[in-house]
């Protein structure tokens, strides 16, 4: 993809991307996260920006940024699909104040895709 892959996100996925970046543990890490190792360079090159965001969040939920990053990614995936697993008590006990504040900002005006 030319330029930053996030330039091609639809409006809803851009909102999800912004939500993910509101978590300090994820801020700035989504754009540069290397999913090519997991899915292969050719597969990633063919992905839409929306699909790439999903796969990046899914990979981060696997824990490369520790349990706080995993819980933040799980939360974002849950906002995308309310059937996705998310345990609020576990997340709040894992997050520091900055990550809790990101969740609280969403909770003050919740939305889903």
N, C-alpha and C. Protein backbone atom coordinates (compact mmCIF):
# COMPACT_ATOMS: atom_id res chain seq x y z
N UNK A 1 0.85 -1.18 0.00
CA UNK A 1 0.00 0.00 0.00
C UNK A 1 0.89 1.24 0.00
N UNK A 2 0.41 2.22 -0.73
CA UNK A 2 1.15 3.47 -0.77
C UNK A 2 0.83 4.28 0.47
N UNK A 3 1.83 4.97 0.99
CA UNK A 3 1.62 5.82 2.16
C UNK A 3 1.25 5.02 3.39
N UNK A 4 0.61 5.69 4.30
CA UNK A 4 0.18 5.08 5.55
C UNK A 4 -1.12 4.32 5.29
N UNK A 5 -1.15 3.04 5.64
CA UNK A 5 -2.34 2.22 5.37
C UNK A 5 -3.59 2.76 6.06
N UNK A 6 -3.41 3.52 7.12
CA UNK A 6 -4.59 4.04 7.83
C UNK A 6 -5.30 5.15 7.06
N UNK A 7 -4.66 5.69 6.03
CA UNK A 7 -5.31 6.72 5.21
C UNK A 7 -6.53 6.16 4.48
N UNK A 8 -6.62 4.84 4.36
CA UNK A 8 -7.70 4.21 3.60
C UNK A 8 -8.79 3.59 4.47
N UNK A 9 -8.79 3.88 5.76
CA UNK A 9 -9.82 3.34 6.64
C UNK A 9 -11.16 4.00 6.37
N UNK A 10 -12.25 3.21 6.45
CA UNK A 10 -13.56 3.84 6.35
C UNK A 10 -13.83 4.62 7.64
N UNK A 11 -14.91 5.39 7.66
CA UNK A 11 -15.18 6.29 8.79
C UNK A 11 -15.29 5.54 10.12
N UNK A 12 -16.00 4.41 10.12
CA UNK A 12 -16.15 3.64 11.36
C UNK A 12 -14.85 3.06 11.85
N UNK A 13 -14.06 2.52 10.92
CA UNK A 13 -12.78 1.93 11.32
C UNK A 13 -11.78 3.01 11.74
N UNK A 14 -11.91 4.20 11.16
CA UNK A 14 -11.06 5.32 11.61
C UNK A 14 -11.39 5.66 13.05
N UNK A 15 -12.67 5.61 13.38
CA UNK A 15 -13.09 5.87 14.76
C UNK A 15 -12.52 4.81 15.70
N UNK A 16 -12.54 3.54 15.26
CA UNK A 16 -11.96 2.45 16.04
C UNK A 16 -10.45 2.63 16.19
N UNK A 17 -9.78 3.01 15.12
CA UNK A 17 -8.34 3.27 15.15
C UNK A 17 -8.04 4.38 16.15
N UNK A 18 -8.83 5.44 16.13
CA UNK A 18 -8.63 6.54 17.08
C UNK A 18 -8.87 6.08 18.52
N UNK A 19 -9.89 5.24 18.72
CA UNK A 19 -10.13 4.68 20.06
C UNK A 19 -8.92 3.89 20.53
N UNK A 20 -8.41 3.02 19.68
CA UNK A 20 -7.23 2.21 20.05
C UNK A 20 -6.05 3.10 20.40
N UNK A 21 -5.85 4.15 19.63
CA UNK A 21 -4.74 5.07 19.90
C UNK A 21 -4.96 5.92 21.13
N UNK A 22 -6.18 5.96 21.66
CA UNK A 22 -6.42 6.71 22.89
C UNK A 22 -5.87 5.96 24.11
N UNK A 23 -5.62 4.66 23.95
CA UNK A 23 -4.99 3.88 25.02
C UNK A 23 -3.49 4.11 24.94
N UNK A 24 -2.87 4.68 25.98
CA UNK A 24 -1.43 4.95 25.93
C UNK A 24 -0.59 3.73 25.56
N UNK A 25 -1.02 2.55 25.98
CA UNK A 25 -0.23 1.36 25.70
C UNK A 25 -0.24 0.99 24.21
N UNK A 26 -1.25 1.46 23.47
CA UNK A 26 -1.34 1.18 22.04
C UNK A 26 -0.98 2.38 21.17
N UNK A 27 -0.95 3.56 21.76
CA UNK A 27 -0.76 4.80 20.99
C UNK A 27 0.49 4.73 20.12
N UNK A 28 0.30 4.94 18.84
CA UNK A 28 1.40 4.97 17.88
C UNK A 28 1.93 3.60 17.48
N UNK A 29 1.43 2.55 18.07
CA UNK A 29 1.97 1.22 17.78
C UNK A 29 1.21 0.48 16.68
N UNK A 30 0.00 0.89 16.37
CA UNK A 30 -0.80 0.16 15.39
C UNK A 30 -0.25 0.31 13.98
N UNK A 31 0.15 1.50 13.62
CA UNK A 31 0.62 1.76 12.26
C UNK A 31 1.86 0.94 11.94
N UNK A 32 2.77 0.83 12.88
CA UNK A 32 4.04 0.17 12.63
C UNK A 32 4.06 -1.30 13.01
N UNK A 33 2.97 -1.82 13.58
CA UNK A 33 2.99 -3.21 14.03
C UNK A 33 3.16 -4.14 12.83
N UNK A 34 4.07 -5.07 12.95
CA UNK A 34 4.47 -5.94 11.85
C UNK A 34 3.61 -7.21 11.81
N UNK A 35 2.51 -7.16 11.06
CA UNK A 35 1.68 -8.36 10.93
C UNK A 35 2.15 -9.22 9.75
N UNK A 36 3.12 -8.70 8.98
CA UNK A 36 3.63 -9.47 7.86
C UNK A 36 4.22 -10.81 8.31
N UNK A 37 4.84 -10.82 9.48
CA UNK A 37 5.43 -12.07 9.98
C UNK A 37 4.35 -13.12 10.21
N UNK A 38 3.18 -12.69 10.62
CA UNK A 38 2.11 -13.64 10.93
C UNK A 38 1.31 -14.05 9.69
N UNK A 39 1.07 -13.10 8.79
CA UNK A 39 0.19 -13.37 7.65
C UNK A 39 0.92 -13.40 6.31
N UNK A 40 2.17 -13.02 6.27
CA UNK A 40 2.93 -13.00 5.02
C UNK A 40 2.79 -11.67 4.30
N UNK A 41 3.87 -11.23 3.70
CA UNK A 41 3.94 -9.93 3.04
C UNK A 41 2.89 -9.80 1.94
N UNK A 42 2.74 -10.82 1.11
CA UNK A 42 1.79 -10.73 0.01
C UNK A 42 0.34 -10.64 0.51
N UNK A 43 0.02 -11.43 1.52
CA UNK A 43 -1.34 -11.40 2.07
C UNK A 43 -1.66 -10.04 2.65
N UNK A 44 -0.72 -9.46 3.36
CA UNK A 44 -0.94 -8.14 3.96
C UNK A 44 -1.07 -7.07 2.88
N UNK A 45 -0.28 -7.18 1.84
CA UNK A 45 -0.34 -6.20 0.75
C UNK A 45 -1.72 -6.20 0.09
N UNK A 46 -2.40 -7.35 0.07
CA UNK A 46 -3.72 -7.45 -0.55
C UNK A 46 -4.86 -7.07 0.40
N UNK A 47 -4.57 -6.92 1.68
CA UNK A 47 -5.61 -6.60 2.66
C UNK A 47 -6.10 -5.18 2.49
N UNK A 48 -7.40 -4.99 2.70
CA UNK A 48 -7.91 -3.63 2.79
C UNK A 48 -7.40 -3.03 4.10
N UNK A 49 -7.45 -1.73 4.19
CA UNK A 49 -7.02 -1.07 5.43
C UNK A 49 -7.90 -1.53 6.60
N UNK A 50 -9.19 -1.71 6.34
CA UNK A 50 -10.10 -2.15 7.39
C UNK A 50 -9.73 -3.54 7.91
N UNK A 51 -9.41 -4.45 6.99
CA UNK A 51 -9.00 -5.80 7.40
C UNK A 51 -7.68 -5.75 8.15
N UNK A 52 -6.77 -4.91 7.69
CA UNK A 52 -5.47 -4.82 8.36
C UNK A 52 -5.64 -4.34 9.80
N UNK A 53 -6.52 -3.38 10.04
CA UNK A 53 -6.76 -2.90 11.40
C UNK A 53 -7.25 -4.05 12.27
N UNK A 54 -8.18 -4.84 11.76
CA UNK A 54 -8.69 -5.98 12.51
C UNK A 54 -7.56 -6.95 12.85
N UNK A 55 -6.74 -7.30 11.88
CA UNK A 55 -5.67 -8.26 12.12
C UNK A 55 -4.59 -7.72 13.06
N UNK A 56 -4.32 -6.42 12.97
CA UNK A 56 -3.35 -5.82 13.90
C UNK A 56 -3.89 -5.91 15.32
N UNK A 57 -5.16 -5.55 15.53
CA UNK A 57 -5.75 -5.64 16.87
C UNK A 57 -5.77 -7.09 17.35
N UNK A 58 -6.11 -8.01 16.47
CA UNK A 58 -6.13 -9.43 16.84
C UNK A 58 -4.74 -9.90 17.27
N UNK A 59 -3.72 -9.49 16.53
CA UNK A 59 -2.35 -9.89 16.87
C UNK A 59 -1.92 -9.28 18.20
N UNK A 60 -2.25 -8.02 18.44
CA UNK A 60 -1.89 -7.37 19.70
C UNK A 60 -2.62 -8.00 20.86
N UNK A 61 -3.85 -8.46 20.64
CA UNK A 61 -4.58 -9.15 21.70
C UNK A 61 -3.84 -10.41 22.14
N UNK A 62 -2.95 -10.91 21.30
CA UNK A 62 -2.13 -12.06 21.64
C UNK A 62 -1.02 -11.74 22.63
N UNK A 63 -0.79 -10.47 22.93
CA UNK A 63 0.09 -10.11 24.02
C UNK A 63 1.47 -9.55 23.75
N UNK A 64 1.83 -9.09 22.52
CA UNK A 64 3.19 -8.60 22.35
C UNK A 64 3.51 -7.34 23.15
N UNK A 65 2.49 -6.60 23.59
CA UNK A 65 2.71 -5.41 24.40
C UNK A 65 2.27 -5.64 25.84
N UNK A 66 2.28 -6.88 26.26
CA UNK A 66 1.92 -7.23 27.63
C UNK A 66 0.42 -7.33 27.80
N UNK A 67 0.03 -7.66 29.01
CA UNK A 67 -1.39 -7.90 29.26
C UNK A 67 -2.22 -6.61 29.13
N UNK A 68 -1.65 -5.46 29.46
CA UNK A 68 -2.39 -4.21 29.29
C UNK A 68 -2.71 -3.92 27.84
N UNK A 69 -1.74 -4.14 26.96
CA UNK A 69 -1.97 -3.97 25.53
C UNK A 69 -2.96 -4.98 25.00
N UNK A 70 -2.85 -6.21 25.49
CA UNK A 70 -3.79 -7.25 25.07
C UNK A 70 -5.21 -6.89 25.46
N UNK A 71 -5.40 -6.41 26.70
CA UNK A 71 -6.75 -6.05 27.15
C UNK A 71 -7.29 -4.87 26.35
N UNK A 72 -6.44 -3.89 26.02
CA UNK A 72 -6.89 -2.74 25.23
C UNK A 72 -7.31 -3.19 23.83
N UNK A 73 -6.53 -4.07 23.22
CA UNK A 73 -6.88 -4.58 21.89
C UNK A 73 -8.16 -5.41 21.96
N UNK A 74 -8.30 -6.24 23.00
CA UNK A 74 -9.53 -7.03 23.16
C UNK A 74 -10.74 -6.11 23.28
N UNK A 75 -10.59 -5.01 24.02
CA UNK A 75 -11.69 -4.07 24.17
C UNK A 75 -12.07 -3.48 22.82
N UNK A 76 -11.09 -3.06 22.05
CA UNK A 76 -11.37 -2.48 20.73
C UNK A 76 -12.05 -3.50 19.82
N UNK A 77 -11.61 -4.74 19.87
CA UNK A 77 -12.26 -5.78 19.08
C UNK A 77 -13.69 -6.00 19.55
N UNK A 78 -13.92 -5.86 20.85
CA UNK A 78 -15.28 -6.00 21.40
C UNK A 78 -16.18 -4.85 20.94
N UNK A 79 -15.63 -3.66 20.83
CA UNK A 79 -16.40 -2.52 20.30
C UNK A 79 -16.77 -2.81 18.84
N UNK A 80 -15.86 -3.42 18.12
CA UNK A 80 -16.10 -3.78 16.72
C UNK A 80 -17.15 -4.88 16.60
N UNK A 81 -17.09 -5.85 17.51
CA UNK A 81 -17.98 -7.02 17.47
C UNK A 81 -18.28 -7.42 18.90
N UNK A 82 -19.50 -7.18 19.36
CA UNK A 82 -19.80 -7.44 20.77
C UNK A 82 -19.78 -8.92 21.15
N UNK A 83 -19.60 -9.80 20.18
CA UNK A 83 -19.40 -11.21 20.49
C UNK A 83 -17.95 -11.54 20.81
N UNK A 84 -17.04 -10.61 20.53
CA UNK A 84 -15.62 -10.82 20.82
C UNK A 84 -15.44 -10.83 22.34
N UNK A 85 -14.62 -11.74 22.85
CA UNK A 85 -14.46 -11.83 24.30
C UNK A 85 -13.77 -10.60 24.89
N UNK A 86 -14.29 -10.14 26.01
CA UNK A 86 -13.68 -9.03 26.75
C UNK A 86 -14.13 -9.13 28.19
N UNK A 87 -13.18 -9.05 29.12
CA UNK A 87 -13.47 -9.12 30.54
C UNK A 87 -13.08 -7.77 31.15
N UNK A 88 -14.07 -6.96 31.47
CA UNK A 88 -13.81 -5.61 31.98
C UNK A 88 -13.06 -5.63 33.30
N UNK A 89 -13.44 -6.50 34.22
CA UNK A 89 -12.76 -6.55 35.52
C UNK A 89 -11.28 -6.87 35.34
N UNK A 90 -10.98 -7.82 34.49
CA UNK A 90 -9.57 -8.18 34.24
C UNK A 90 -8.82 -7.02 33.61
N UNK A 91 -9.49 -6.33 32.66
CA UNK A 91 -8.84 -5.21 32.00
C UNK A 91 -8.53 -4.08 32.98
N UNK A 92 -9.53 -3.69 33.76
CA UNK A 92 -9.34 -2.59 34.71
C UNK A 92 -8.25 -2.90 35.73
N UNK A 93 -8.16 -4.14 36.14
CA UNK A 93 -7.11 -4.54 37.08
C UNK A 93 -5.73 -4.59 36.43
N UNK A 94 -5.69 -4.62 35.11
CA UNK A 94 -4.42 -4.67 34.37
C UNK A 94 -3.94 -3.28 33.97
N UNK A 95 -4.88 -2.40 33.60
CA UNK A 95 -4.52 -1.10 33.06
C UNK A 95 -4.02 -0.14 34.13
N UNK A 96 -3.10 0.73 33.72
CA UNK A 96 -2.71 1.84 34.58
C UNK A 96 -3.74 2.96 34.42
N UNK A 97 -3.55 4.06 35.10
CA UNK A 97 -4.53 5.15 35.10
C UNK A 97 -4.77 5.71 33.70
N UNK A 98 -3.72 5.84 32.90
CA UNK A 98 -3.90 6.38 31.55
C UNK A 98 -4.78 5.50 30.68
N UNK A 99 -4.61 4.19 30.77
CA UNK A 99 -5.44 3.28 29.99
C UNK A 99 -6.85 3.21 30.54
N UNK A 100 -6.99 3.31 31.86
CA UNK A 100 -8.34 3.37 32.45
C UNK A 100 -9.06 4.63 31.98
N UNK A 101 -8.32 5.73 31.88
CA UNK A 101 -8.92 6.99 31.44
C UNK A 101 -9.41 6.88 29.99
N UNK A 102 -8.68 6.17 29.15
CA UNK A 102 -9.12 5.97 27.76
C UNK A 102 -10.44 5.19 27.74
N UNK A 103 -10.53 4.16 28.57
CA UNK A 103 -11.78 3.40 28.65
C UNK A 103 -12.90 4.28 29.20
N UNK A 104 -12.62 5.05 30.24
CA UNK A 104 -13.64 5.89 30.84
C UNK A 104 -14.16 6.94 29.87
N UNK A 105 -13.27 7.46 29.02
CA UNK A 105 -13.71 8.43 28.01
C UNK A 105 -14.69 7.78 27.04
N UNK A 106 -14.39 6.54 26.62
CA UNK A 106 -15.33 5.83 25.75
C UNK A 106 -16.64 5.55 26.50
N UNK A 107 -16.55 5.10 27.75
CA UNK A 107 -17.73 4.73 28.54
C UNK A 107 -18.64 5.94 28.80
N UNK A 108 -18.09 7.13 28.82
CA UNK A 108 -18.90 8.34 29.03
C UNK A 108 -19.82 8.62 27.84
N UNK A 109 -19.43 8.10 26.67
CA UNK A 109 -20.23 8.27 25.44
C UNK A 109 -20.01 7.04 24.57
N UNK A 110 -20.53 5.89 24.98
CA UNK A 110 -20.22 4.63 24.29
C UNK A 110 -20.81 4.54 22.89
N UNK A 111 -20.12 3.81 22.04
CA UNK A 111 -20.56 3.54 20.68
C UNK A 111 -20.00 2.19 20.25
N UNK A 112 -20.62 1.60 19.26
CA UNK A 112 -20.13 0.36 18.66
C UNK A 112 -20.21 0.49 17.16
N UNK A 113 -19.58 -0.44 16.47
CA UNK A 113 -19.65 -0.44 15.00
C UNK A 113 -20.63 -1.50 14.54
